[in-house]
All heavy atoms as atom14 arrays in JSON, in Angstrom:
{
  "sequence": "EREVPESDRGRVSEVLLRILNGSLFELYKQ",
  "atom14_mask": [
    [1, 1, 1, 1, 1, 1, 1, 1, 1, 0, 0, 0, 0, 0],
    [1, 1, 1, 1, 1, 1, 1, 1, 1, 1, 1, 0, 0, 0],
    [1, 1, 1, 1, 1, 1, 1, 1, 1, 0, 0, 0, 0, 0],
    [1, 1, 1, 1, 1, 1, 1, 0, 0, 0, 0, 0, 0, 0],
    [1, 1, 1, 1, 1, 1, 1, 0, 0, 0, 0, 0, 0, 0],
    [1, 1, 1, 1, 1, 1, 1, 1, 1, 0, 0, 0, 0, 0],
    [1, 1, 1, 1, 1, 1, 0, 0, 0, 0, 0, 0, 0, 0],
    [1, 1, 1, 1, 1, 1, 1, 1, 0, 0, 0, 0, 0, 0],
    [1, 1, 1, 1, 1, 1, 1, 1, 1, 1, 1, 0, 0, 0],
    [1, 1, 1, 1, 0, 0, 0, 0, 0, 0, 0, 0, 0, 0],
    [1, 1, 1, 1, 1, 1, 1, 1, 1, 1, 1, 0, 0, 0],
    [1, 1, 1, 1, 1, 1, 1, 0, 0, 0, 0, 0, 0, 0],
    [1, 1, 1, 1, 1, 1, 0, 0, 0, 0, 0, 0, 0, 0],
    [1, 1, 1, 1, 1, 1, 1, 1, 1, 0, 0, 0, 0, 0],
    [1, 1, 1, 1, 1, 1, 1, 0, 0, 0, 0, 0, 0, 0],
    [1, 1, 1, 1, 1, 1, 1, 1, 0, 0, 0, 0, 0, 0],
    [1, 1, 1, 1, 1, 1, 1, 1, 0, 0, 0, 0, 0, 0],
    [1, 1, 1, 1, 1, 1, 1, 1, 1, 1, 1, 0, 0, 0],
    [1, 1, 1, 1, 1, 1, 1, 1, 0, 0, 0, 0, 0, 0],
    [1, 1, 1, 1, 1, 1, 1, 1, 0, 0, 0, 0, 0, 0],
    [1, 1, 1, 1, 1, 1, 1, 1, 0, 0, 0, 0, 0, 0],
    [1, 1, 1, 1, 0, 0, 0, 0, 0, 0, 0, 0, 0, 0],
    [1, 1, 1, 1, 1, 1, 0, 0, 0, 0, 0, 0, 0, 0],
    [1, 1, 1, 1, 1, 1, 1, 1, 0, 0, 0, 0, 0, 0],
    [1, 1, 1, 1, 1, 1, 1, 1, 1, 1, 1, 0, 0, 0],
    [1, 1, 1, 1, 1, 1, 1, 1, 1, 0, 0, 0, 0, 0],
    [1, 1, 1, 1, 1, 1, 1, 1, 0, 0, 0, 0, 0, 0],
    [1, 1, 1, 1, 1, 1, 1, 1, 1, 1, 1, 1, 0, 0],
    [1, 1, 1, 1, 1, 1, 1, 1, 1, 0, 0, 0, 0, 0],
    [1, 1, 1, 1, 1, 1, 1, 1, 1, 0, 0, 0, 0, 0]
  ],
  "atom14_positions": [
    [[-1.78, 11.16, 2.62], [-1.83, 12.54, 3.24], [-3.25, 13.01, 3.56], [-3.43, 13.73, 4.56], [-1.11, 13.51, 2.33], [0.47, 13.34, 2.28], [1.1, 14.41, 1.43], [0.45, 15.19, 0.83], [2.43, 14.36, 1.35], [0.0, 0.0, 0.0], [0.0, 0.0, 0.0], [0.0, 0.0, 0.0], [0.0, 0.0, 0.0], [0.0, 0.0, 0.0]],
    [[-4.11, 12.72, 2.68], [-5.49, 13.24, 2.96], [-6.28, 12.47, 3.96], [-7.03, 13.07, 4.74], [-6.28, 13.28, 1.57], [-5.78, 14.23, 0.52], [-6.89, 14.43, -0.41], [-7.22, 13.2, -1.06], [-6.82, 12.6, -2.1], [-5.81, 13.12, -2.64], [-7.36, 11.38, -2.48], [0.0, 0.0, 0.0], [0.0, 0.0, 0.0], [0.0, 0.0, 0.0]],
    [[-6.03, 11.01, 3.95], [-6.99, 10.21, 4.64], [-6.49, 9.69, 6.0], [-7.15, 9.16, 6.88], [-7.48, 9.03, 3.79], [-8.04, 9.42, 2.43], [-9.4, 10.16, 2.68], [-10.03, 10.04, 3.76], [-9.79, 10.87, 1.77], [0.0, 0.0, 0.0], [0.0, 0.0, 0.0], [0.0, 0.0, 0.0], [0.0, 0.0, 0.0], [0.0, 0.0, 0.0]],
    [[-5.17, 9.73, 6.18], [-4.52, 8.96, 7.28], [-3.8, 10.06, 8.23], [-3.19, 11.01, 7.78], [-3.37, 8.01, 6.82], [-2.83, 7.4, 7.96], [-4.14, 6.97, 5.85], [0.0, 0.0, 0.0], [0.0, 0.0, 0.0], [0.0, 0.0, 0.0], [0.0, 0.0, 0.0], [0.0, 0.0, 0.0], [0.0, 0.0, 0.0], [0.0, 0.0, 0.0]],
    [[-4.01, 10.06, 9.56], [-3.39, 10.82, 10.43], [-1.84, 10.81, 10.24], [-1.32, 9.64, 9.96], [-3.88, 10.38, 11.85], [-5.17, 9.54, 11.57], [-4.96, 8.98, 10.19], [0.0, 0.0, 0.0], [0.0, 0.0, 0.0], [0.0, 0.0, 0.0], [0.0, 0.0, 0.0], [0.0, 0.0, 0.0], [0.0, 0.0, 0.0], [0.0, 0.0, 0.0]],
    [[-1.26, 11.81, 10.6], [0.23, 11.89, 10.41], [1.03, 10.84, 11.13], [1.97, 10.3, 10.71], [0.77, 13.23, 10.84], [2.19, 13.52, 10.48], [2.59, 15.07, 10.76], [1.78, 15.78, 11.07], [3.88, 15.26, 10.51], [0.0, 0.0, 0.0], [0.0, 0.0, 0.0], [0.0, 0.0, 0.0], [0.0, 0.0, 0.0], [0.0, 0.0, 0.0]],
    [[0.62, 10.53, 12.32], [1.22, 9.53, 13.23], [1.18, 8.09, 12.54], [1.97, 7.29, 12.79], [0.67, 9.57, 14.61], [-0.79, 9.31, 14.47], [0.0, 0.0, 0.0], [0.0, 0.0, 0.0], [0.0, 0.0, 0.0], [0.0, 0.0, 0.0], [0.0, 0.0, 0.0], [0.0, 0.0, 0.0], [0.0, 0.0, 0.0], [0.0, 0.0, 0.0]],
    [[0.2, 7.88, 11.83], [0.04, 6.47, 11.19], [0.43, 6.46, 9.77], [0.36, 5.29, 9.14], [-1.45, 6.07, 11.31], [-1.87, 6.01, 12.87], [-1.06, 5.68, 13.76], [-3.12, 6.17, 12.98], [0.0, 0.0, 0.0], [0.0, 0.0, 0.0], [0.0, 0.0, 0.0], [0.0, 0.0, 0.0], [0.0, 0.0, 0.0], [0.0, 0.0, 0.0]],
    [[0.86, 7.5, 9.22], [1.24, 7.48, 7.76], [2.35, 6.53, 7.3], [2.29, 5.83, 6.34], [1.58, 8.92, 7.27], [0.39, 9.73, 7.31], [0.77, 11.22, 6.78], [-0.39, 12.05, 6.96], [-0.3, 13.47, 6.85], [0.88, 14.08, 6.56], [-1.38, 14.25, 6.9], [0.0, 0.0, 0.0], [0.0, 0.0, 0.0], [0.0, 0.0, 0.0]],
    [[3.35, 6.45, 8.17], [4.48, 5.43, 7.88], [3.96, 3.94, 7.83], [4.3, 3.28, 6.87], [0.0, 0.0, 0.0], [0.0, 0.0, 0.0], [0.0, 0.0, 0.0], [0.0, 0.0, 0.0], [0.0, 0.0, 0.0], [0.0, 0.0, 0.0], [0.0, 0.0, 0.0], [0.0, 0.0, 0.0], [0.0, 0.0, 0.0], [0.0, 0.0, 0.0]],
    [[3.24, 3.63, 8.92], [2.76, 2.22, 8.96], [1.77, 1.86, 7.76], [1.89, 0.93, 7.14], [2.09, 1.99, 10.29], [1.57, 0.61, 10.5], [0.96, 0.37, 11.82], [-0.14, 1.52, 12.11], [-1.36, 1.4, 11.61], [-1.8, 0.34, 10.99], [-2.26, 2.34, 11.96], [0.0, 0.0, 0.0], [0.0, 0.0, 0.0], [0.0, 0.0, 0.0]],
    [[0.93, 2.91, 7.55], [-0.1, 2.61, 6.52], [0.55, 2.65, 5.12], [0.11, 1.77, 4.19], [-1.27, 3.75, 6.45], [-2.21, 3.59, 5.32], [-2.02, 3.76, 7.89], [0.0, 0.0, 0.0], [0.0, 0.0, 0.0], [0.0, 0.0, 0.0], [0.0, 0.0, 0.0], [0.0, 0.0, 0.0], [0.0, 0.0, 0.0], [0.0, 0.0, 0.0]],
    [[1.52, 3.33, 4.82], [2.3, 3.52, 3.65], [2.88, 2.07, 3.31], [2.83, 1.62, 2.1], [3.41, 4.59, 3.6], [2.85, 5.78, 3.77], [0.0, 0.0, 0.0], [0.0, 0.0, 0.0], [0.0, 0.0, 0.0], [0.0, 0.0, 0.0], [0.0, 0.0, 0.0], [0.0, 0.0, 0.0], [0.0, 0.0, 0.0], [0.0, 0.0, 0.0]],
    [[3.59, 1.47, 4.41], [4.12, 0.23, 4.21], [3.14, -0.83, 3.8], [3.33, -1.76, 2.94], [4.98, -0.27, 5.51], [6.06, 0.65, 5.75], [6.85, 0.28, 6.97], [6.54, -0.79, 7.57], [7.81, 0.88, 7.34], [0.0, 0.0, 0.0], [0.0, 0.0, 0.0], [0.0, 0.0, 0.0], [0.0, 0.0, 0.0], [0.0, 0.0, 0.0]],
    [[1.93, -0.8, 4.46], [0.84, -1.83, 4.21], [0.35, -1.6, 2.72], [0.18, -2.61, 2.02], [-0.21, -1.69, 5.22], [-1.45, -2.42, 4.81], [0.32, -1.99, 6.56], [0.0, 0.0, 0.0], [0.0, 0.0, 0.0], [0.0, 0.0, 0.0], [0.0, 0.0, 0.0], [0.0, 0.0, 0.0], [0.0, 0.0, 0.0], [0.0, 0.0, 0.0]],
    [[0.15, -0.33, 2.34], [-0.37, -0.09, 1.06], [0.62, -0.57, -0.08], [0.29, -1.06, -1.15], [-0.74, 1.33, 0.78], [-1.94, 1.84, 1.64], [-2.16, 3.19, 1.37], [-3.15, 1.03, 1.33], [0.0, 0.0, 0.0], [0.0, 0.0, 0.0], [0.0, 0.0, 0.0], [0.0, 0.0, 0.0], [0.0, 0.0, 0.0], [0.0, 0.0, 0.0]],
    [[1.92, -0.34, 0.2], [2.84, -0.78, -0.77], [2.9, -2.29, -0.97], [3.08, -2.8, -1.99], [4.35, -0.19, -0.42], [4.61, 1.23, -0.69], [5.99, 1.64, -0.21], [4.68, 1.37, -2.22], [0.0, 0.0, 0.0], [0.0, 0.0, 0.0], [0.0, 0.0, 0.0], [0.0, 0.0, 0.0], [0.0, 0.0, 0.0], [0.0, 0.0, 0.0]],
    [[2.94, -3.0, 0.22], [2.76, -4.43, 0.1], [1.54, -4.93, -0.7], [1.63, -5.84, -1.53], [2.8, -5.09, 1.58], [4.12, -4.94, 2.19], [4.28, -5.99, 3.45], [3.24, -5.67, 4.34], [3.41, -4.94, 5.42], [4.69, -4.22, 5.55], [2.55, -4.61, 6.35], [0.0, 0.0, 0.0], [0.0, 0.0, 0.0], [0.0, 0.0, 0.0]],
    [[0.43, -4.28, -0.38], [-0.84, -4.74, -1.08], [-0.68, -4.26, -2.58], [-1.03, -5.12, -3.5], [-1.88, -3.94, -0.58], [-2.27, -4.44, 0.94], [-3.21, -4.04, -1.44], [-3.37, -3.65, 1.6], [0.0, 0.0, 0.0], [0.0, 0.0, 0.0], [0.0, 0.0, 0.0], [0.0, 0.0, 0.0], [0.0, 0.0, 0.0], [0.0, 0.0, 0.0]],
    [[-0.04, -3.24, -2.87], [0.14, -2.84, -4.35], [1.06, -3.77, -5.08], [0.81, -4.23, -6.13], [0.83, -1.42, -4.38], [1.22, -1.02, -5.77], [-0.06, -0.69, -6.7], [1.98, 0.38, -5.64], [0.0, 0.0, 0.0], [0.0, 0.0, 0.0], [0.0, 0.0, 0.0], [0.0, 0.0, 0.0], [0.0, 0.0, 0.0], [0.0, 0.0, 0.0]],
    [[2.18, -4.13, -4.4], [3.16, -5.05, -5.03], [2.48, -6.4, -5.25], [2.7, -7.1, -6.34], [4.41, -5.3, -4.16], [5.17, -4.08, -4.14], [5.2, -3.27, -5.13], [5.89, -3.78, -2.98], [0.0, 0.0, 0.0], [0.0, 0.0, 0.0], [0.0, 0.0, 0.0], [0.0, 0.0, 0.0], [0.0, 0.0, 0.0], [0.0, 0.0, 0.0]],
    [[1.7, -6.98, -4.25], [1.06, -8.18, -4.47], [0.0, -8.17, -5.48], [-0.3, -9.12, -6.36], [0.0, 0.0, 0.0], [0.0, 0.0, 0.0], [0.0, 0.0, 0.0], [0.0, 0.0, 0.0], [0.0, 0.0, 0.0], [0.0, 0.0, 0.0], [0.0, 0.0, 0.0], [0.0, 0.0, 0.0], [0.0, 0.0, 0.0], [0.0, 0.0, 0.0]],
    [[-0.84, -6.99, -5.49], [-1.88, -6.99, -6.63], [-1.3, -6.82, -8.01], [-1.84, -7.37, -8.95], [-2.69, -5.75, -6.19], [-3.38, -5.92, -4.91], [0.0, 0.0, 0.0], [0.0, 0.0, 0.0], [0.0, 0.0, 0.0], [0.0, 0.0, 0.0], [0.0, 0.0, 0.0], [0.0, 0.0, 0.0], [0.0, 0.0, 0.0], [0.0, 0.0, 0.0]],
    [[-0.13, -6.12, -8.23], [0.45, -5.95, -9.47], [1.03, -7.23, -9.88], [1.05, -7.48, -11.21], [1.5, -4.91, -9.5], [0.94, -3.43, -9.27], [2.19, -2.44, -9.25], [0.08, -3.11, -10.48], [0.0, 0.0, 0.0], [0.0, 0.0, 0.0], [0.0, 0.0, 0.0], [0.0, 0.0, 0.0], [0.0, 0.0, 0.0], [0.0, 0.0, 0.0]],
    [[1.46, -8.0, -8.98], [2.01, -9.36, -9.37], [0.96, -10.21, -9.89], [1.2, -11.07, -10.88], [2.66, -10.04, -8.12], [3.27, -11.29, -8.47], [4.42, -11.35, -9.39], [2.87, -12.46, -7.93], [5.02, -12.61, -9.58], [3.48, -13.84, -8.16], [4.6, -13.7, -9.04], [0.0, 0.0, 0.0], [0.0, 0.0, 0.0], [0.0, 0.0, 0.0]],
    [[-0.29, -10.14, -9.36], [-1.47, -10.88, -9.89], [-1.78, -10.43, -11.32], [-2.03, -11.17, -12.18], [-2.61, -10.64, -9.0], [-2.57, -11.39, -7.6], [-2.3, -12.93, -7.74], [-2.88, -13.37, -8.75], [-1.58, -13.36, -6.91], [0.0, 0.0, 0.0], [0.0, 0.0, 0.0], [0.0, 0.0, 0.0], [0.0, 0.0, 0.0], [0.0, 0.0, 0.0]],
    [[-1.63, -9.05, -11.51], [-1.92, -8.57, -12.86], [-0.73, -9.06, -13.75], [-1.05, -9.39, -15.0], [-1.73, -6.95, -12.87], [-3.05, -6.26, -12.42], [-2.83, -4.71, -12.4], [-4.22, -6.48, -13.42], [0.0, 0.0, 0.0], [0.0, 0.0, 0.0], [0.0, 0.0, 0.0], [0.0, 0.0, 0.0], [0.0, 0.0, 0.0], [0.0, 0.0, 0.0]],
    [[0.4, -9.05, -13.35], [1.58, -9.7, -14.16], [1.24, -11.06, -14.49], [1.44, -11.57, -15.77], [2.89, -9.48, -13.49], [4.0, -10.01, -14.14], [4.22, -9.82, -15.53], [4.97, -10.81, -13.49], [5.4, -10.28, -16.22], [6.15, -11.41, -14.15], [6.26, -11.02, -15.47], [7.39, -11.51, -16.19], [0.0, 0.0, 0.0], [0.0, 0.0, 0.0]],
    [[0.78, -11.83, -13.64], [0.37, -13.29, -13.91], [-0.65, -13.42, -15.0], [-0.61, -14.23, -15.88], [0.05, -14.06, -12.67], [1.36, -14.26, -11.81], [1.03, -15.32, -10.71], [-0.05, -14.77, -9.71], [-0.28, -15.7, -8.52], [0.0, 0.0, 0.0], [0.0, 0.0, 0.0], [0.0, 0.0, 0.0], [0.0, 0.0, 0.0], [0.0, 0.0, 0.0]],
    [[-1.67, -12.45, -14.84], [-2.79, -12.49, -15.75], [-2.25, -12.13, -17.13], [-2.72, -12.73, -18.15], [-3.88, -11.52, -15.36], [-4.64, -11.89, -14.08], [-5.57, -10.71, -13.61], [-6.15, -10.93, -12.51], [-5.75, -9.84, -14.48], [0.0, 0.0, 0.0], [0.0, 0.0, 0.0], [0.0, 0.0, 0.0], [0.0, 0.0, 0.0], [0.0, 0.0, 0.0]]
  ]
}
């Protein structure tokens, strides 16, 4: 909400969620 224009928030949210899930999976493996 602070850093992304309103028109791009949906697309950026999906990208950040994919990155979060992948990064947490690496934490799980560790």
